[in-house]
C-alpha atoms as a PDB file:
ATOM      1  CA  MET A   1      -0.278  10.745   2.125  1.00  0.00           C
ATOM      2  CA  ARG A   2       3.088  10.241   0.155  1.00  0.00           C
ATOM      3  CA  THR A   3       4.219  12.454  -2.397  1.00  0.00           C
ATOM      4  CA  TYR A   4       4.600  11.009  -6.076  1.00  0.00           C
ATOM      5  CA  GLU A   5       5.338  12.126  -9.692  1.00  0.00           C
ATOM      6  CA  LEU A   6       3.256  10.468 -12.566  1.00  0.00           C
ATOM      7  CA  VAL A   7       4.856  10.584 -15.929  1.00  0.00           C
ATOM      8  CA  VAL A   8       2.238   9.748 -18.513  1.00  0.00           C
ATOM      9  CA  ILE A   9       2.997   9.344 -22.185  1.00  0.00           C
ATOM     10  CA  ILE A  10      -0.243   9.883 -24.519  1.00  0.00           C
ATOM     11  CA  HIS A  11      -0.945   8.922 -28.101  1.00  0.00           C
ATOM     12  CA  PRO A  12       0.278  11.693 -30.265  1.00  0.00           C
ATOM     13  CA  ASP A  13      -2.443  11.292 -33.127  1.00  0.00           C
ATOM     14  CA  LEU A  14      -5.154  12.088 -30.777  1.00  0.00           C
ATOM     15  CA  ASP A  15      -7.043  15.586 -30.996  1.00  0.00           C
ATOM     16  CA  ASP A  16      -6.826  18.255 -27.998  1.00  0.00           C
ATOM     17  CA  GLU A  17     -10.043  17.257 -26.684  1.00  0.00           C
ATOM     18  CA  ALA A  18      -9.348  13.744 -26.373  1.00  0.00           C
ATOM     19  CA  VAL A  19      -5.860  14.288 -24.897  1.00  0.00           C
ATOM     20  CA  ASN A  20      -7.617  16.783 -22.313  1.00  0.00           C
ATOM     21  CA  GLN A  21     -10.374  14.184 -21.651  1.00  0.00           C
ATOM     22  CA  ALA A  22      -7.419  11.419 -21.031  1.00  0.00           C
ATOM     23  CA  VAL A  23      -5.716  13.696 -18.472  1.00  0.00           C
ATOM     24  CA  ASP A  24      -8.712  14.872 -16.715  1.00  0.00           C
ATOM     25  CA  LYS A  25     -10.103  11.097 -16.283  1.00  0.00           C
ATOM     26  CA  ILE A  26      -6.726  10.644 -14.803  1.00  0.00           C
ATOM     27  CA  LYS A  27      -6.757  13.309 -12.415  1.00  0.00           C
ATOM     28  CA  ASN A  28     -10.565  12.306 -11.565  1.00  0.00           C
ATOM     29  CA  TRP A  29      -9.139   9.010 -10.551  1.00  0.00           C
ATOM     30  CA  ILE A  30      -6.538  11.073  -8.156  1.00  0.00           C
ATOM     31  CA  GLU A  31      -9.064  12.863  -6.731  1.00  0.00           C
ATOM     32  CA  THR A  32     -11.408   9.733  -6.323  1.00  0.00           C
ATOM     33  CA  GLY A  33      -8.758   8.045  -4.369  1.00  0.00           C
ATOM     34  CA  LYS A  34      -8.574  11.341  -1.974  1.00  0.00           C
ATOM     35  CA  GLY A  35      -5.452  12.126  -3.493  1.00  0.00           C
ATOM     36  CA  LYS A  36      -4.183  15.886  -4.016  1.00  0.00           C
ATOM     37  CA  ILE A  37      -2.841  17.258  -7.475  1.00  0.00           C
ATOM     38  CA  ALA A  38       0.242  19.797  -6.678  1.00  0.00           C
ATOM     39  CA  GLU A  39       1.117  20.483 -10.086  1.00  0.00           C
ATOM     40  CA  VAL A  40       0.313  19.425 -13.886  1.00  0.00           C
ATOM     41  CA  GLN A  41       3.218  20.087 -16.256  1.00  0.00           C
ATOM     42  CA  GLU A  42       2.367  19.526 -20.327  1.00  0.00           C
ATOM     43  CA  TRP A  43       5.925  18.643 -21.587  1.00  0.00           C
ATOM     44  CA  GLY A  44       4.521  18.375 -25.027  1.00  0.00           C
ATOM     45  CA  LYS A  45       5.508  16.201 -28.004  1.00  0.00           C
ATOM     46  CA  ARG A  46       8.592  14.485 -27.697  1.00  0.00           C
ATOM     47  CA  ARG A  47      10.909  11.872 -29.356  1.00  0.00           C
ATOM     48  CA  LEU A  48      10.556   8.446 -27.925  1.00  0.00           C
ATOM     49  CA  ALA A  49      13.862   6.216 -27.301  1.00  0.00           C
ATOM     50  CA  TYR A  50      12.174   3.107 -28.908  1.00  0.00           C
ATOM     51  CA  PRO A  51       8.775   3.018 -31.079  1.00  0.00           C
ATOM     52  CA  ILE A  52       5.744   2.175 -28.766  1.00  0.00           C
ATOM     53  CA  GLN A  53       2.696   1.094 -30.792  1.00  0.00           C
ATOM     54  CA  LYS A  54       4.629   1.598 -34.096  1.00  0.00           C
ATOM     55  CA  GLN A  55       4.926   5.602 -32.832  1.00  0.00           C
ATOM     56  CA  TYR A  56       8.162   7.485 -32.702  1.00  0.00           C
ATOM     57  CA  GLU A  57       6.653  10.594 -30.858  1.00  0.00           C
ATOM     58  CA  GLY A  58       4.056  10.990 -27.671  1.00  0.00           C
ATOM     59  CA  LEU A  59       2.680  13.932 -25.537  1.00  0.00           C
ATOM     60  CA  TYR A  60       4.113  14.137 -22.497  1.00  0.00           C
ATOM     61  CA  TYR A  61       2.704  14.874 -19.290  1.00  0.00           C
ATOM     62  CA  LEU A  62       4.039  15.291 -15.428  1.00  0.00           C
ATOM     63  CA  LEU A  63       1.902  15.393 -12.477  1.00  0.00           C
ATOM     64  CA  LYS A  64       3.072  16.082  -9.083  1.00  0.00           C
ATOM     65  CA  LEU A  65       0.730  14.559  -6.566  1.00  0.00           C
ATOM     66  CA  GLU A  66      -0.133  13.371  -2.962  1.00  0.00           C
ATOM     67  CA  LEU A  67      -1.978   9.993  -2.400  1.00  0.00           C
ATOM     68  CA  ASP A  68      -2.669   7.524  -0.368  1.00  0.00           C
ATOM     69  CA  PRO A  69      -0.182   4.307  -1.047  1.00  0.00           C
ATOM     70  CA  ALA A  70      -3.182   1.985  -0.509  1.00  0.00           C
ATOM     71  CA  SER A  71      -4.725   3.925  -3.586  1.00  0.00           C
ATOM     72  CA  ASN A  72      -1.939   3.248  -5.790  1.00  0.00           C
ATOM     73  CA  ALA A  73      -2.908  -0.060  -7.249  1.00  0.00           C
ATOM     74  CA  GLU A  74      -6.395   0.847  -8.031  1.00  0.00           C
ATOM     75  CA  LEU A  75      -4.807   4.089  -9.903  1.00  0.00           C
ATOM     76  CA  GLU A  76      -2.562   2.142 -11.773  1.00  0.00           C
ATOM     77  CA  ARG A  77      -5.047  -0.306 -13.028  1.00  0.00           C
ATOM     78  CA  ASN A  78      -7.240   2.293 -14.504  1.00  0.00           C
ATOM     79  CA  ILE A  79      -4.284   4.116 -16.088  1.00  0.00           C
ATOM     80  CA  ARG A  80      -3.256   0.734 -17.687  1.00  0.00           C
ATOM     81  CA  ILE A  81      -6.284   0.179 -19.266  1.00  0.00           C
ATOM     82  CA  LEU A  82      -7.053   3.519 -20.575  1.00  0.00           C
ATOM     83  CA  GLU A  83      -6.280   3.583 -24.192  1.00  0.00           C
ATOM     84  CA  PRO A  84      -4.732   6.833 -24.865  1.00  0.00           C
ATOM     85  CA  VAL A  85      -2.124   6.035 -22.603  1.00  0.00           C
ATOM     86  CA  MET A  86       0.976   4.418 -24.240  1.00  0.00           C
ATOM     87  CA  ARG A  87       3.104   4.649 -21.204  1.00  0.00           C
ATOM     88  CA  TYR A  88       3.199   5.659 -17.526  1.00  0.00           C
ATOM     89  CA  MET A  89       5.488   6.006 -14.435  1.00  0.00           C
ATOM     90  CA  LEU A  90       4.617   6.261 -10.930  1.00  0.00           C
ATOM     91  CA  ILE A  91       7.461   6.929  -8.742  1.00  0.00           C
ATOM     92  CA  ALA A  92       7.335   7.908  -4.942  1.00  0.00           C
ATOM     93  CA  LYS A  93       9.524  11.086  -4.093  1.00  0.00           C
END
């Protein structure tokens, strides 16, 4: 198990329920891959450095987690096809 940080930018025009569903799906995928979530930080709405999908703001979330390196590809594939997610970055600590 390695320690990772996952930063996710979610579309800002979604309601709270849709945002929570997207975050819950990501948490579920981590737990399905036999990972453990240490902490979830909601950074809130922030201005983007450049427009993404014609949006100038995004909802930022930081997830600190432990995950088996073999499960990374599956997690990234699932996040990539999740529509509310505009960008993500998975970093090994």
